[in-house]
Amino acid sequence: MIMSCSLKLSGISFEAFPLVWDTDYFGVQSARVVLKDAVSKSEQEKIIDYCSNFEFVTFSNLRNKQENNTWIGADTTAFLTDLNMQYTKHIDEQPRVHDNFINIYNAFPRNEEVLKIAQHAYLYSRFFNDPWLPREKAQNVYVHWTSCAFNKPEKYFVIAEKNHKIIGYLLFFINEEHANAVIELIATSNLHRGQNIGGSLMANLESFAFEKGLKTIKVGTQADNILGVRFYNKCGFQYVLCNSIYHYWPNRRA
């Protein structure tokens, strides 16, 4: 049964909605269920019934609530694909930035050098941990993610460029309601790793955020991305919480 993309469901402790981006990219009817708190038995039944209308469902168990982990494991065939670590950095002062090889662009046009970096930079993803997703699609998800951000007025690219070649980028957007910048992706080329390009990208973002009057920068990464965790700690980010992420294929069995 194909559901309307406008179909949503919500309760006291959860909200559920179709995922247009995932549906279009992976070619399977997709939805997300966000578990904001421990859900009741009646809510669990509503969620499972809702999921039966989709091929692929992502459960986001905010703050890794044990009660939700228990019923997901007992009553569904969903499997854990990610422990998503959330970090925040408060912007109290403008950092000194001396990097003349980095610029920030809004609605940045499509760039093949950036896409080439995206193709080889990312080693960790919940999509890599799902055997039911098309392997080629999973491997190229960050390329598509980056590609979809080009020419978008709500997206910003921090671009590092040396010798007329792009060697790193950071993708972010601004959440006006909460006065923060949210990092989506950050990557450097294989040839320029270990040269603090990531640190320079981050410092320029912080300077930009301060000038815009933003209070914080937020970012998430996988728990098994040890290098990413170390990088954010080194940049002064503070751990906030962990979300457990499950993939659920209602009509498939292991």
Protein backbone atom coordinates (compact mmCIF):
# COMPACT_ATOMS: atom_id res chain seq x y z
CA MET A 1 0.00 0.00 0.00
CA ILE A 2 1.47 3.36 -1.06
CA MET A 3 0.79 6.10 1.43
CA SER A 4 0.28 9.77 0.74
CA CYS A 5 3.40 11.82 1.55
CA SER A 6 1.19 14.06 3.68
CA LEU A 7 0.19 11.25 6.05
CA LYS A 8 1.42 11.90 9.58
CA LEU A 9 0.72 10.44 12.99
CA SER A 10 1.51 11.79 16.43
CA GLY A 11 0.93 11.03 20.07
CA ILE A 12 2.00 12.30 23.46
CA SER A 13 5.43 10.68 23.21
CA PHE A 14 6.04 10.27 19.48
CA GLU A 15 5.56 11.61 15.99
CA ALA A 16 5.64 9.72 12.70
CA PHE A 17 5.83 11.02 9.15
CA PRO A 18 6.80 9.95 5.62
CA LEU A 19 10.34 10.62 4.37
CA VAL A 20 10.21 12.06 0.88
CA TRP A 21 14.00 12.29 0.47
CA ASP A 22 14.58 8.66 1.46
CA THR A 23 11.67 7.45 -0.65
CA ASP A 24 12.95 9.21 -3.75
CA TYR A 25 16.59 8.23 -3.26
CA PHE A 26 16.30 4.61 -2.16
CA GLY A 27 13.20 3.81 -4.19
CA VAL A 28 11.28 2.36 -1.24
CA GLN A 29 8.35 3.95 0.55
CA SER A 30 9.98 5.36 3.70
CA ALA A 31 8.94 6.93 6.99
CA ARG A 32 10.44 8.03 10.29
CA VAL A 33 9.14 7.53 13.82
CA VAL A 34 10.61 9.88 16.42
CA LEU A 35 10.27 8.54 19.95
CA LYS A 36 10.44 11.63 22.14
CA ASP A 37 9.86 9.74 25.39
CA ALA A 38 8.89 6.27 26.59
CA VAL A 39 5.74 5.38 24.65
CA SER A 40 2.75 3.64 26.14
CA LYS A 41 1.45 0.22 25.02
CA SER A 42 -1.40 1.82 23.10
CA GLU A 43 1.02 4.17 21.34
CA GLN A 44 3.25 1.22 20.48
CA GLU A 45 0.33 -0.47 18.76
CA LYS A 46 -0.47 2.68 16.80
CA ILE A 47 3.16 3.01 15.72
CA ILE A 48 3.42 -0.60 14.54
CA ASP A 49 0.15 -0.26 12.63
CA TYR A 50 1.41 2.95 11.02
CA CYS A 51 4.68 1.31 10.02
CA SER A 52 2.87 -1.54 8.26
CA ASN A 53 1.96 0.92 5.50
CA PHE A 54 5.60 1.53 4.58
CA GLU A 55 8.46 -0.56 3.24
CA PHE A 56 11.24 1.10 5.26
CA VAL A 57 10.97 2.90 8.61
CA THR A 58 13.62 4.65 10.70
CA PHE A 59 13.07 4.73 14.47
CA SER A 60 14.83 7.61 16.23
CA ASN A 61 14.82 6.81 19.95
CA LEU A 62 15.75 10.14 21.47
CA ARG A 63 18.06 9.93 24.48
CA ASN A 64 18.27 6.17 23.96
CA LYS A 65 15.30 5.43 26.23
CA GLN A 66 15.64 1.88 27.54
CA GLU A 67 11.87 1.39 27.62
CA ASN A 68 11.69 2.02 23.89
CA ASN A 69 14.69 -0.18 23.15
CA THR A 70 12.90 -3.01 24.97
CA TRP A 71 9.61 -2.95 23.07
CA ILE A 72 11.28 -2.32 19.71
CA GLY A 73 13.37 -5.45 20.25
CA ALA A 74 10.47 -7.52 21.55
CA ASP A 75 7.65 -6.51 19.20
CA THR A 76 9.36 -5.68 15.89
CA THR A 77 12.14 -6.99 13.65
CA ALA A 78 13.87 -3.59 13.71
CA PHE A 79 17.63 -3.64 14.20
CA LEU A 80 20.06 -1.09 15.63
CA THR A 81 22.03 0.75 12.92
CA ASP A 82 23.46 3.73 14.78
CA LEU A 83 24.14 5.31 18.14
CA ASN A 84 24.06 8.97 17.20
CA MET A 85 26.11 11.23 19.48
CA GLN A 86 24.95 14.83 19.66
CA TYR A 87 27.42 17.65 20.44
CA THR A 88 27.03 21.37 21.05
CA LYS A 89 29.46 24.26 21.21
CA HIS A 90 28.49 27.64 22.66
CA ILE A 91 29.78 30.66 20.75
CA ASP A 92 30.84 33.16 23.41
CA GLU A 93 33.48 35.01 21.43
CA GLN A 94 34.68 35.37 17.88
CA PRO A 95 37.71 33.18 17.15
CA ARG A 96 40.72 34.64 15.42
CA VAL A 97 40.73 33.39 11.85
CA HIS A 98 43.76 33.88 9.62
CA ASP A 99 42.91 31.38 6.89
CA ASN A 100 42.73 33.18 3.56
CA PHE A 101 42.03 29.94 1.70
CA ILE A 102 38.56 29.42 3.19
CA ASN A 103 35.29 31.09 2.16
CA ILE A 104 31.64 30.66 3.07
CA TYR A 105 28.98 30.53 0.37
CA ASN A 106 25.21 30.57 0.44
CA ALA A 107 23.40 28.69 -2.35
CA PHE A 108 26.73 27.30 -3.54
CA PRO A 109 26.53 26.02 -7.15
CA ARG A 110 27.10 22.39 -8.05
CA ASN A 111 30.79 21.50 -7.88
CA GLU A 112 32.32 18.22 -9.00
CA GLU A 113 35.40 18.62 -6.77
CA VAL A 114 33.18 18.77 -3.71
CA LEU A 115 31.28 15.67 -4.86
CA LYS A 116 34.54 13.79 -5.39
CA ILE A 117 35.54 14.55 -1.80
CA ALA A 118 32.12 13.36 -0.60
CA GLN A 119 32.49 10.12 -2.52
CA HIS A 120 35.61 9.04 -0.65
CA ALA A 121 35.54 10.82 2.72
CA TYR A 122 32.77 9.14 4.71
CA LEU A 123 33.45 5.80 6.36
CA TYR A 124 30.59 5.61 8.86
CA SER A 125 26.85 5.65 8.28
CA ARG A 126 23.76 3.86 9.51
CA PHE A 127 22.97 3.24 5.85
CA PHE A 128 26.15 1.16 5.55
CA ASN A 129 24.85 -1.05 8.37
CA ASP A 130 21.60 -2.05 6.64
CA PRO A 131 21.84 -5.13 4.39
CA TRP A 132 18.40 -4.47 2.91
CA LEU A 133 19.30 -1.14 1.33
CA PRO A 134 20.73 -1.15 -2.20
CA ARG A 135 24.50 -1.25 -1.66
CA GLU A 136 25.33 1.28 -4.36
CA LYS A 137 22.73 3.69 -3.01
CA ALA A 138 24.06 3.34 0.53
CA GLN A 139 27.63 3.94 -0.59
CA ASN A 140 26.68 7.10 -2.47
CA VAL A 141 24.23 8.56 0.04
CA TYR A 142 26.59 11.36 1.10
CA VAL A 143 27.30 12.30 -2.50
CA HIS A 144 23.57 12.62 -3.09
CA TRP A 145 23.12 14.47 0.22
CA THR A 146 25.78 16.98 -0.81
CA SER A 147 24.41 17.28 -4.33
CA CYS A 148 20.94 18.09 -3.01
CA ALA A 149 22.38 21.01 -1.02
CA PHE A 150 23.78 22.85 -4.04
CA ASN A 151 21.99 26.04 -5.08
CA LYS A 152 19.76 25.94 -1.99
CA PRO A 153 19.35 29.35 -0.30
CA GLU A 154 18.94 27.71 3.12
CA LYS A 155 22.24 25.81 2.83
CA TYR A 156 25.76 27.11 3.45
CA PHE A 157 29.09 25.65 2.31
CA VAL A 158 32.38 26.46 4.01
CA ILE A 159 34.93 25.80 1.27
CA ALA A 160 38.69 25.24 1.68
CA GLU A 161 40.65 25.85 -1.51
CA LYS A 162 44.37 25.73 -2.26
CA ASN A 163 46.11 26.06 -5.60
CA HIS A 164 42.73 26.53 -7.25
CA LYS A 165 41.52 23.12 -6.01
CA ILE A 166 38.88 22.47 -3.37
CA ILE A 167 40.39 20.37 -0.59
CA GLY A 168 37.61 20.36 2.00
CA TYR A 169 34.09 21.48 2.77
CA LEU A 170 31.62 21.87 5.60
CA LEU A 171 27.87 21.91 4.97
CA PHE A 172 25.53 23.58 7.46
CA PHE A 173 22.22 25.37 7.84
CA ILE A 174 20.90 27.96 10.27
CA ASN A 175 18.06 27.20 12.66
CA GLU A 176 16.62 30.67 13.13
CA GLU A 177 14.15 29.60 15.84
CA HIS A 178 16.90 28.35 18.14
CA ALA A 179 19.62 30.73 16.93
CA ASN A 180 22.10 27.99 16.09
CA ALA A 181 24.07 26.59 13.18
CA VAL A 182 23.66 22.88 12.49
CA ILE A 183 26.50 21.01 10.80
CA GLU A 184 25.34 18.40 8.33
CA LEU A 185 28.59 17.22 6.76
CA ILE A 186 32.31 17.95 7.00
CA ALA A 187 35.06 16.34 4.94
CA THR A 188 38.54 16.89 3.55
CA SER A 189 40.25 15.30 0.59
CA ASN A 190 42.33 12.18 1.24
CA LEU A 191 45.52 13.99 0.25
CA HIS A 192 45.00 16.77 2.81
CA ARG A 193 44.04 14.84 5.92
CA GLY A 194 46.13 15.53 9.00
CA GLN A 195 46.74 19.15 7.93
CA ASN A 196 44.09 20.73 10.22
CA ILE A 197 41.84 21.60 7.28
CA GLY A 198 38.86 20.45 9.34
CA GLY A 199 39.89 22.74 12.19
CA SER A 200 40.14 25.69 9.82
CA LEU A 201 36.71 24.94 8.37
CA MET A 202 35.28 24.81 11.88
CA ALA A 203 36.98 28.04 13.01
CA ASN A 204 35.56 29.91 10.03
CA LEU A 205 32.10 28.56 10.76
CA GLU A 206 32.42 29.74 14.37
CA SER A 207 33.48 33.22 13.24
CA PHE A 208 30.54 33.36 10.83
CA ALA A 209 28.13 32.16 13.54
CA PHE A 210 29.36 34.81 15.96
CA GLU A 211 28.90 37.57 13.38
CA LYS A 212 25.36 36.31 12.71
CA GLY A 213 24.51 36.39 16.40
CA LEU A 214 24.08 32.64 16.66
CA LYS A 215 24.42 31.18 20.13
CA THR A 216 25.51 27.61 19.43
CA ILE A 217 26.74 25.17 16.83
CA LYS A 218 25.30 21.65 16.83
CA VAL A 219 26.52 18.46 15.21
CA GLY A 220 25.89 14.73 15.38
CA THR A 221 28.13 11.77 14.60
CA GLN A 222 28.16 8.01 14.91
CA ALA A 223 29.45 6.53 18.17
CA ASP A 224 31.87 4.30 16.25
CA ASN A 225 33.36 7.29 14.42
CA ILE A 226 36.19 7.64 16.93
CA LEU A 227 38.14 10.14 14.81
CA GLY A 228 35.02 12.30 14.47
CA VAL A 229 34.38 12.21 18.22
CA ARG A 230 37.99 13.19 18.92
CA PHE A 231 37.79 15.99 16.37
CA TYR A 232 34.69 17.56 17.90
CA ASN A 233 36.14 17.25 21.39
CA LYS A 234 39.33 18.94 20.20
CA CYS A 235 37.25 21.75 18.69
CA GLY A 236 35.60 22.40 22.05
CA PHE A 237 32.26 20.68 21.52
CA GLN A 238 30.47 19.18 24.50
CA TYR A 239 28.59 15.89 24.45
CA VAL A 240 24.85 16.42 25.01
CA LEU A 241 23.00 13.15 24.44
CA CYS A 242 22.87 9.91 22.49
CA ASN A 243 20.03 8.74 20.24
CA SER A 244 19.61 5.12 19.21
CA ILE A 245 18.59 4.66 15.57
CA TYR A 246 16.83 1.56 14.28
CA HIS A 247 15.91 0.45 10.78
CA TYR A 248 12.65 -1.44 10.39
CA TRP A 249 11.42 -3.32 7.34
CA PRO A 250 7.88 -4.34 8.36
CA ASN A 251 7.38 -6.83 5.52
CA ARG A 252 10.79 -8.51 5.64
CA ARG A 253 12.18 -11.17 7.91
CA ALA A 254 15.78 -12.02 8.60
